[in-house]
Protein backbone atom coordinates (compact mmCIF):
# COMPACT_ATOMS: atom_id res chain seq x y z
CA UNK A 1 -55.16 11.29 -77.54
CA UNK A 2 -53.34 9.67 -74.85
CA UNK A 3 -50.84 12.11 -73.16
CA UNK A 4 -48.54 10.83 -70.13
CA UNK A 5 -49.04 12.24 -66.80
CA UNK A 6 -45.59 13.93 -66.72
CA UNK A 7 -47.10 16.06 -69.00
CA UNK A 8 -50.11 16.81 -67.97
CA UNK A 9 -48.87 17.54 -64.76
CA UNK A 10 -46.20 19.64 -66.04
CA UNK A 11 -46.07 22.95 -63.83
CA UNK A 12 -46.97 26.65 -65.63
CA UNK A 13 -45.21 28.79 -62.91
CA UNK A 14 -41.55 29.06 -61.61
CA UNK A 15 -43.39 28.17 -57.95
CA UNK A 16 -44.67 24.81 -59.06
CA UNK A 17 -40.81 23.72 -60.38
CA UNK A 18 -39.33 21.09 -57.99
CA UNK A 19 -35.69 21.14 -56.95
CA UNK A 20 -33.97 24.16 -58.90
CA UNK A 21 -33.99 26.38 -55.74
CA UNK A 22 -30.55 27.64 -56.66
CA UNK A 23 -31.67 29.08 -60.29
CA UNK A 24 -34.98 29.56 -59.67
CA UNK A 25 -35.58 30.25 -55.93
CA UNK A 26 -36.73 33.67 -54.67
CA UNK A 27 -33.99 36.55 -55.65
CA UNK A 28 -32.28 33.85 -57.79
CA UNK A 29 -30.94 35.35 -60.76
CA UNK A 30 -32.56 33.07 -63.47
CA UNK A 31 -36.09 33.89 -61.74
CA UNK A 32 -35.21 37.49 -62.16
CA UNK A 33 -34.31 37.52 -65.40
CA UNK A 34 -37.43 35.55 -66.44
CA UNK A 35 -39.51 38.32 -64.26
CA UNK A 36 -37.84 41.01 -65.73
CA UNK A 37 -39.18 39.52 -69.44
CA UNK A 38 -35.41 40.27 -70.32
CA UNK A 39 -34.32 37.12 -71.55
CA UNK A 40 -30.83 36.62 -72.76
CA UNK A 41 -29.81 33.25 -75.11
CA UNK A 42 -29.12 30.81 -72.57
CA UNK A 43 -28.41 27.47 -72.39
CA UNK A 44 -29.51 24.64 -69.97
CA UNK A 45 -27.60 22.14 -68.81
CA UNK A 46 -28.62 18.95 -66.48
CA UNK A 47 -29.73 15.62 -66.89
CA UNK A 48 -32.82 14.92 -68.09
CA UNK A 49 -36.33 15.28 -66.17
CA UNK A 50 -35.13 18.18 -63.98
CA UNK A 51 -37.36 21.17 -65.65
CA UNK A 52 -35.25 22.61 -68.71
CA UNK A 53 -38.40 22.40 -70.94
CA UNK A 54 -40.68 23.12 -68.71
CA UNK A 55 -38.53 26.38 -67.31
CA UNK A 56 -38.64 27.26 -71.27
CA UNK A 57 -42.19 27.16 -71.83
CA UNK A 58 -42.67 28.88 -69.18
CA UNK A 59 -40.38 31.88 -70.14
CA UNK A 60 -42.34 32.11 -73.69
CA UNK A 61 -45.53 32.59 -71.48
CA UNK A 62 -43.86 35.20 -69.41
CA UNK A 63 -42.28 36.83 -72.15
CA UNK A 64 -45.40 36.39 -74.89
CA UNK A 65 -43.04 35.44 -77.32
CA UNK A 66 -43.91 32.87 -79.89
CA UNK A 67 -42.26 29.65 -78.80
CA UNK A 68 -40.96 27.29 -81.26
CA UNK A 69 -39.33 23.93 -80.36
CA UNK A 70 -36.63 21.70 -82.64
CA UNK A 71 -35.08 18.65 -80.97
CA UNK A 72 -31.34 18.56 -82.40
CA UNK A 73 -31.26 14.64 -82.74
CA UNK A 74 -34.22 14.97 -85.89
CA UNK A 75 -34.28 18.61 -86.73
CA UNK A 76 -32.14 20.16 -90.08
CA UNK A 77 -30.68 23.42 -91.40
CA UNK A 78 -34.41 23.59 -93.31
CA UNK A 79 -36.45 23.48 -89.83
CA UNK A 80 -34.14 26.16 -88.92
CA UNK A 81 -34.74 28.20 -92.04
CA UNK A 82 -38.42 27.90 -91.74
CA UNK A 83 -38.65 29.52 -88.69
CA UNK A 84 -36.72 32.34 -90.02
CA UNK A 85 -38.92 33.17 -92.47
CA UNK A 86 -41.41 34.02 -89.89
CA UNK A 87 -39.50 36.69 -88.29
CA UNK A 88 -40.21 40.51 -89.15
CA UNK A 89 -43.88 38.91 -90.32
CA UNK A 90 -47.12 39.12 -88.20
CA UNK A 91 -47.06 35.89 -87.29
CA UNK A 92 -43.79 37.01 -84.85
CA UNK A 93 -43.62 40.53 -84.84
CA UNK A 94 -41.81 40.70 -81.98
CA UNK A 95 -39.10 37.83 -82.60
CA UNK A 96 -39.35 34.38 -81.47
CA UNK A 97 -38.25 31.66 -78.54
CA UNK A 98 -36.33 28.93 -79.76
CA UNK A 99 -36.48 26.24 -78.04
CA UNK A 100 -33.64 23.87 -79.37
CA UNK A 101 -33.15 20.71 -77.15
CA UNK A 102 -29.88 18.21 -77.41
CA UNK A 103 -28.20 21.15 -79.27
CA UNK A 104 -25.12 19.00 -78.56
CA UNK A 105 -26.45 16.79 -81.55
CA UNK A 106 -26.32 19.41 -84.22
CA UNK A 107 -22.94 20.29 -86.27
CA UNK A 108 -21.29 23.49 -86.53
CA UNK A 109 -22.61 24.90 -89.71
CA UNK A 110 -26.43 24.21 -88.15
CA UNK A 111 -25.03 26.10 -84.94
CA UNK A 112 -23.61 28.88 -86.80
CA UNK A 113 -26.88 29.09 -88.81
CA UNK A 114 -28.31 30.65 -85.81
CA UNK A 115 -25.46 33.40 -84.51
CA UNK A 116 -27.11 36.08 -87.32
CA UNK A 117 -30.33 36.07 -85.58
CA UNK A 118 -29.51 35.45 -82.18
CA UNK A 119 -26.98 38.14 -82.51
CA UNK A 120 -29.77 40.82 -83.52
CA UNK A 121 -32.04 39.29 -80.91
CA UNK A 122 -34.85 37.75 -83.68
CA UNK A 123 -34.07 34.99 -81.76
CA UNK A 124 -33.82 34.06 -78.35
CA UNK A 125 -32.28 30.58 -78.00
CA UNK A 126 -32.72 28.44 -75.09
CA UNK A 127 -30.83 25.68 -75.69
CA UNK A 128 -30.57 22.30 -73.69
CA UNK A 129 -28.37 19.50 -73.13
CA UNK A 130 -27.77 17.05 -70.97
CA UNK A 131 -23.81 16.90 -71.52
CA UNK A 132 -20.90 19.37 -70.80
CA UNK A 133 -21.54 22.68 -73.05
CA UNK A 134 -18.61 23.61 -73.06
CA UNK A 135 -17.18 20.77 -74.32
CA UNK A 136 -20.39 19.98 -76.88
CA UNK A 137 -21.45 23.26 -77.76
CA UNK A 138 -19.42 25.55 -80.35
CA UNK A 139 -17.71 29.13 -79.00
CA UNK A 140 -19.33 30.86 -81.42
CA UNK A 141 -22.85 30.35 -79.37
CA UNK A 142 -21.27 29.86 -76.08
CA UNK A 143 -20.40 33.37 -76.28
CA UNK A 144 -23.56 34.97 -76.94
CA UNK A 145 -25.14 32.71 -74.22
CA UNK A 146 -25.24 32.43 -70.30
CA UNK A 147 -25.09 28.54 -69.07
CA UNK A 148 -27.61 27.73 -66.09
CA UNK A 149 -27.10 24.63 -64.50
CA UNK A 150 -30.11 22.40 -63.32
CA UNK A 151 -29.16 19.89 -60.78
CA UNK A 152 -30.76 16.50 -60.09
CA UNK A 153 -33.72 16.32 -58.19
CA UNK A 154 -33.22 15.02 -54.75
CA UNK A 155 -35.56 12.65 -53.01
CA UNK A 156 -37.19 15.40 -50.41
CA UNK A 157 -38.37 17.47 -54.05
CA UNK A 158 -39.14 14.15 -56.12
CA UNK A 159 -41.68 12.97 -53.16
CA UNK A 160 -43.20 16.19 -53.41
CA UNK A 161 -43.97 15.45 -57.09
CA UNK A 162 -45.05 11.69 -56.68
CA UNK A 163 -47.58 12.85 -54.05
CA UNK A 164 -48.86 15.65 -56.21
CA UNK A 165 -48.98 12.95 -59.16
CA UNK A 166 -50.79 10.83 -56.82
CA UNK A 167 -53.60 13.33 -55.44
CA UNK A 168 -54.13 14.16 -59.69
CA UNK A 169 -54.53 10.04 -60.25
CA UNK A 170 -57.26 10.08 -56.90
CA UNK A 171 -59.02 12.76 -58.80
CA UNK A 172 -58.72 11.09 -62.58
CA UNK A 173 -59.58 7.79 -60.84
CA UNK A 174 -62.26 8.55 -58.47
CA UNK A 175 -59.68 6.22 -56.49
CA UNK A 176 -58.26 6.67 -52.60
CA UNK A 177 -54.86 5.82 -52.98
CA UNK A 178 -53.51 3.78 -50.07
CA UNK A 179 -49.57 3.48 -50.27
CA UNK A 180 -47.63 0.92 -48.15
CA UNK A 181 -44.84 2.62 -45.91
CA UNK A 182 -42.31 3.27 -47.83
CA UNK A 183 -43.71 2.92 -51.23
CA UNK A 184 -43.80 6.36 -52.33
CA UNK A 185 -40.32 7.33 -50.94
CA UNK A 186 -38.87 4.62 -53.19
CA UNK A 187 -40.33 6.01 -55.92
CA UNK A 188 -39.17 9.42 -55.74
CA UNK A 189 -35.47 7.72 -54.58
CA UNK A 190 -35.38 5.38 -57.26
CA UNK A 191 -35.98 7.92 -59.85
CA UNK A 192 -32.83 9.14 -59.86
CA UNK A 193 -33.17 12.56 -60.00
CA UNK A 194 -35.71 12.38 -62.89
CA UNK A 195 -39.17 13.72 -62.07
CA UNK A 196 -40.45 12.55 -65.19
CA UNK A 197 -39.77 9.04 -64.58
CA UNK A 198 -40.95 8.96 -61.05
CA UNK A 199 -44.04 10.74 -62.33
CA UNK A 200 -44.78 8.48 -65.04
CA UNK A 201 -44.17 5.51 -62.30
CA UNK A 202 -47.14 6.57 -60.40
CA UNK A 203 -49.41 6.24 -63.24
CA UNK A 204 -47.77 2.90 -64.25
CA UNK A 205 -48.66 2.11 -60.54
CA UNK A 206 -52.34 3.36 -60.96
CA UNK A 207 -52.75 1.64 -64.09
CA UNK A 208 -51.97 -2.08 -62.91
CA UNK A 209 -53.15 -1.86 -59.70
CA UNK A 210 -56.29 -3.62 -58.83
CA UNK A 211 -59.06 -1.36 -57.14
CA UNK A 212 -60.51 -3.01 -54.15
CA UNK A 213 -63.96 -1.05 -53.93
CA UNK A 214 -63.19 2.64 -54.37
CA UNK A 215 -59.59 1.75 -52.97
CA UNK A 216 -56.02 1.10 -54.82
CA UNK A 217 -53.53 -0.23 -52.77
CA UNK A 218 -49.74 0.75 -53.93
CA UNK A 219 -47.66 -1.75 -52.72
CA UNK A 220 -43.80 -1.64 -52.38
CA UNK A 221 -43.23 -4.43 -54.35
CA UNK A 222 -45.04 -2.69 -56.84
CA UNK A 223 -43.00 0.48 -56.82
CA UNK A 224 -39.76 -1.39 -56.49
CA UNK A 225 -40.64 -3.34 -60.06
CA UNK A 226 -41.78 -0.51 -61.87
CA UNK A 227 -38.73 1.55 -61.13
CA UNK A 228 -36.15 -0.84 -61.35
CA UNK A 229 -32.78 0.42 -63.25
CA UNK A 230 -34.59 3.53 -63.69
CA UNK A 231 -32.11 5.68 -61.38
CA UNK A 232 -28.91 4.22 -62.88
CA UNK A 233 -27.84 7.47 -65.19
CA UNK A 234 -24.46 5.86 -66.61
CA UNK A 235 -24.04 6.66 -70.11
CA UNK A 236 -21.40 5.22 -71.98
CA UNK A 237 -20.68 8.60 -73.75
CA UNK A 238 -22.42 10.67 -71.31
CA UNK A 239 -21.54 13.53 -68.49
CA UNK A 240 -22.54 10.96 -66.08
CA UNK A 241 -20.68 8.36 -66.87
CA UNK A 242 -17.26 10.04 -66.71
CA UNK A 243 -18.52 11.75 -63.70
CA UNK A 244 -19.21 8.19 -61.60
CA UNK A 245 -15.41 7.21 -62.49
CA UNK A 246 -14.71 10.32 -61.22
CA UNK A 247 -16.23 10.36 -58.21
CA UNK A 248 -15.60 6.49 -57.76
CA UNK A 249 -11.59 7.46 -57.78
CA UNK A 250 -12.12 10.48 -55.71
CA UNK A 251 -13.61 9.07 -53.19
CA UNK A 252 -10.92 6.35 -52.68
CA UNK A 253 -8.48 9.08 -52.99
CA UNK A 254 -10.33 10.86 -49.93
CA UNK A 255 -10.16 7.22 -47.74
CA UNK A 256 -13.98 7.19 -47.93
CA UNK A 257 -14.99 3.59 -47.74
CA UNK A 258 -18.84 4.41 -47.89
CA UNK A 259 -18.67 6.50 -50.80
CA UNK A 260 -16.88 4.44 -52.75
CA UNK A 261 -18.84 1.33 -52.42
CA UNK A 262 -21.76 3.93 -53.45
CA UNK A 263 -20.30 4.93 -56.60
CA UNK A 264 -19.20 1.28 -57.33
CA UNK A 265 -22.48 0.03 -57.16
CA UNK A 266 -23.74 2.65 -59.25
CA UNK A 267 -20.98 1.75 -62.13
CA UNK A 268 -21.70 -2.22 -61.52
CA UNK A 269 -25.75 -1.70 -61.65
CA UNK A 270 -25.53 0.04 -64.92
CA UNK A 271 -23.99 -2.36 -66.41
CA UNK A 272 -20.43 -0.70 -66.20
CA UNK A 273 -18.18 -3.73 -64.94
CA UNK A 274 -15.31 -3.76 -67.21
CA UNK A 275 -15.29 0.27 -66.97
CA UNK A 276 -15.37 -0.41 -63.07
CA UNK A 277 -12.37 -3.05 -63.30
CA UNK A 278 -10.35 -0.64 -65.57
CA UNK A 279 -10.96 2.72 -63.07
CA UNK A 280 -10.08 0.61 -59.99
CA UNK A 281 -6.78 -0.82 -61.67
CA UNK A 282 -5.87 3.13 -62.38
CA UNK A 283 -6.36 4.10 -58.79
CA UNK A 284 -4.44 1.27 -57.04
CA UNK A 285 -1.34 2.36 -59.34
CA UNK A 286 -1.98 6.39 -59.03
CA UNK A 287 -3.32 7.08 -55.57
CA UNK A 288 -2.08 4.09 -53.38
CA UNK A 289 0.87 3.92 -55.37
CA UNK A 290 4.26 3.35 -53.82
CA UNK A 291 2.76 3.73 -50.29
CA UNK A 292 1.49 0.25 -50.65
CA UNK A 293 2.54 -1.08 -54.11
CA UNK A 294 1.59 -4.61 -53.12
CA UNK A 295 -1.71 -3.12 -54.11
CA UNK A 296 -1.27 -3.18 -57.40
CA UNK A 297 -0.94 -7.53 -57.96
CA UNK A 298 -3.81 -7.09 -55.45
CA UNK A 299 -6.02 -5.28 -57.11
CA UNK A 300 -5.40 -7.27 -60.35
CA UNK A 301 -6.39 -10.38 -58.74
CA UNK A 302 -9.32 -8.79 -57.63
CA UNK A 303 -10.42 -7.60 -61.38
CA UNK A 304 -9.18 -11.32 -62.63
CA UNK A 305 -11.64 -12.66 -60.36
CA UNK A 306 -14.58 -10.12 -61.40
CA UNK A 307 -14.06 -11.18 -64.74
CA UNK A 308 -14.06 -14.53 -64.32
CA UNK A 309 -17.08 -14.71 -62.22
CA UNK A 310 -19.37 -11.84 -63.83
CA UNK A 311 -22.21 -10.46 -62.07
CA UNK A 312 -23.52 -10.43 -59.88
CA UNK A 313 -20.94 -12.24 -57.74
CA UNK A 314 -18.01 -9.82 -59.62
CA UNK A 315 -19.23 -7.44 -57.27
CA UNK A 316 -17.50 -8.98 -54.13
CA UNK A 317 -13.89 -8.70 -54.92
CA UNK A 318 -14.35 -5.35 -56.65
CA UNK A 319 -15.87 -4.26 -53.32
CA UNK A 320 -12.84 -5.77 -51.79
CA UNK A 321 -10.27 -3.49 -53.95
CA UNK A 322 -12.41 -0.71 -53.25
CA UNK A 323 -12.33 -0.41 -49.69
CA UNK A 324 -8.82 -1.86 -49.16
CA UNK A 325 -7.61 1.22 -51.43
CA UNK A 326 -9.67 3.41 -49.47
CA UNK A 327 -8.35 2.14 -46.45
CA UNK A 328 -4.55 1.97 -47.91
CA UNK A 329 -2.14 4.75 -47.16
CA UNK A 330 -1.62 6.91 -50.08
CA UNK A 331 0.88 8.17 -52.37
CA UNK A 332 0.47 9.95 -55.82
CA UNK A 333 4.78 10.14 -55.71
CA UNK A 334 5.26 8.30 -58.65
CA UNK A 335 2.11 9.54 -60.42
CA UNK A 336 3.64 12.93 -60.17
CA UNK A 337 7.09 12.21 -61.04
CA UNK A 338 6.24 10.64 -64.72
CA UNK A 339 3.80 13.65 -65.61
CA UNK A 340 7.02 15.79 -64.74
CA UNK A 341 9.24 13.76 -66.33
CA UNK A 342 6.62 13.34 -69.53
CA UNK A 343 6.20 17.61 -69.36
CA UNK A 344 10.01 18.26 -69.82
CA UNK A 345 10.17 15.68 -72.82
CA UNK A 346 7.15 17.51 -74.48
CA UNK A 347 8.74 20.58 -74.16
CA UNK A 348 11.97 19.31 -75.97
CA UNK A 349 14.26 19.07 -72.60
CA UNK A 350 16.64 16.03 -72.05
CA UNK A 351 18.83 15.81 -75.26
CA UNK A 352 20.46 12.61 -75.89
CA UNK A 353 22.38 10.17 -73.43
CA UNK A 354 25.42 10.23 -71.71
CA UNK A 355 27.51 8.08 -73.26
CA UNK A 356 28.35 5.27 -70.35
CA UNK A 357 24.41 4.68 -70.83
CA UNK A 358 24.16 4.52 -74.54
CA UNK A 359 24.06 0.60 -76.00
CA UNK A 360 27.30 -0.72 -77.13
CA UNK A 361 25.94 -1.79 -80.56
CA UNK A 362 28.78 -3.15 -82.84
CA UNK A 363 31.40 -1.66 -79.79
CA UNK A 364 34.12 -4.25 -78.94
CA UNK A 365 34.24 -5.51 -75.23
CA UNK A 366 37.52 -3.09 -74.86
CA UNK A 367 35.66 0.09 -76.22
CA UNK A 368 32.14 -1.13 -73.64
CA UNK A 369 34.29 -0.50 -70.88
CA UNK A 370 35.86 2.84 -72.70
CA UNK A 371 32.10 4.36 -72.44
CA UNK A 372 32.84 4.97 -69.02
CA UNK A 373 30.08 2.70 -67.47
CA UNK A 374 30.69 1.75 -63.71
CA UNK A 375 28.53 -1.45 -62.71
CA UNK A 376 26.50 -0.62 -59.61
CA UNK A 377 26.62 -4.35 -58.54
CA UNK A 378 30.78 -4.30 -58.56
CA UNK A 379 30.26 -1.53 -55.60
CA UNK A 380 29.20 -1.79 -52.27
CA UNK A 381 25.46 -1.24 -51.16
CA UNK A 382 25.02 -1.81 -55.01
CA UNK A 383 25.29 1.69 -56.04
CA UNK A 384 28.01 4.22 -57.58
CA UNK A 385 27.59 7.74 -58.00
CA UNK A 386 27.80 8.49 -61.58
CA UNK A 387 25.51 10.75 -64.10
CA UNK A 388 22.24 9.05 -65.34
CA UNK A 389 19.59 12.17 -66.83
CA UNK A 390 20.87 13.93 -70.42
CA UNK A 391 23.41 16.59 -70.12
CA UNK A 392 20.44 19.25 -69.99
CA UNK A 393 18.72 18.03 -67.09
CA UNK A 394 21.52 17.16 -64.65
CA UNK A 395 20.35 17.86 -61.06
CA UNK A 396 16.51 17.65 -62.00
CA UNK A 397 14.23 16.16 -59.57
CA UNK A 398 11.33 14.81 -60.81
CA UNK A 399 10.67 11.92 -58.00
CA UNK A 400 10.11 13.35 -54.04
CA UNK A 401 9.34 10.47 -51.24
CA UNK A 402 6.12 10.38 -49.99
CA UNK A 403 5.26 10.90 -46.50
CA UNK A 404 4.27 7.56 -45.93
CA UNK A 405 5.89 4.82 -43.80
CA UNK A 406 7.25 2.65 -46.92
CA UNK A 407 9.07 5.65 -49.15
CA UNK A 408 10.26 7.36 -45.76
CA UNK A 409 11.90 3.83 -45.08
CA UNK A 410 13.44 3.67 -48.55
CA UNK A 411 14.58 7.65 -48.11
CA UNK A 412 16.21 6.52 -45.11
CA UNK A 413 18.12 3.90 -46.86
CA UNK A 414 19.19 5.91 -49.44
CA UNK A 415 20.37 8.99 -47.76
CA UNK A 416 22.38 6.49 -45.89
CA UNK A 417 23.89 4.99 -49.30
CA UNK A 418 24.46 8.25 -51.06
CA UNK A 419 25.77 9.82 -47.88
CA UNK A 420 22.59 11.96 -48.16
CA UNK A 421 23.99 13.86 -51.33
CA UNK A 422 20.70 13.25 -53.24
């Protein structure tokens, strides 16, 4: 039966696991737990292809416990009952190790069916998820488990795995691989931190290659072909999608144009142009804001151009917008002001209206004047002192002028007009 290369090369010891030194390196906590044999209930959180299933297999071997594997996307409560039925029998005298992949797909009732058995130790749960467990796993399971995050594999670690795969395929096929300069490095870098993809790409290169005697050339062009778009992690409902949007905004907010265009490119290459457009508009208003208010129509024009052009040309006006905002002065003064005002509204503060601000409704002209409203355009500098906030918020300050040139110029003007009373 066919077995994928990535499965054939699955590590059987902790020393062979790539890229997770923060939890599995010498002296790291997860490694110490596994070596001790006293393994608690755990949740492995991280992208696919980073070693979660592999480590669960190693734990089962290290602790000599019967291993059951379930995938929550296809498993049911009946599958759990079947496992429970084997507890305290000769089939599982010391309890079982249950590896539950994609636990976020289990509903609350299904997750709760495990509680009794993970609490008394008859089932040791190792659950894995590509989503943030603090959002997708119910608290009852979380409180009984330790969360370990598996990081995306970097290119250096992936290259070691790729070379291992090439060596294995050479032995299997009897061919000597001649890799064009940069080909293996491209596979390692383009796998997006997913070792399964990287090793499977090696298998495809060998399968599709045309031997020249006992040699097989692994070309860069073939490496590009078998890995195209494989590195793009941007599932619309997944954590990585939101991480990309967050990274784009924080890079622009942090005035780093290089990081900004990097994350923008990742979004666009993964087909998320609409999301990129929306986030760029948010950034214009939230992070550049009043330091350069003209940025808002500029970014809107860039977004309109992108939507009219479509990909791949759309990347150009969107890159213009991203770089312009990354290199623009920043102000979140209006953003902070609306948040503070909204907090007061939610707290029930700000009751009614000053009489002079109310709509006149059916009042007569003379009654409108009786409201006491002072028409600012009738006064010097188009300003006159009067109450605008509700009575219980008089004196409240939501907006603070930002330290940028434009807002400081406005502050200087209004300090002069108001006699610095504001």
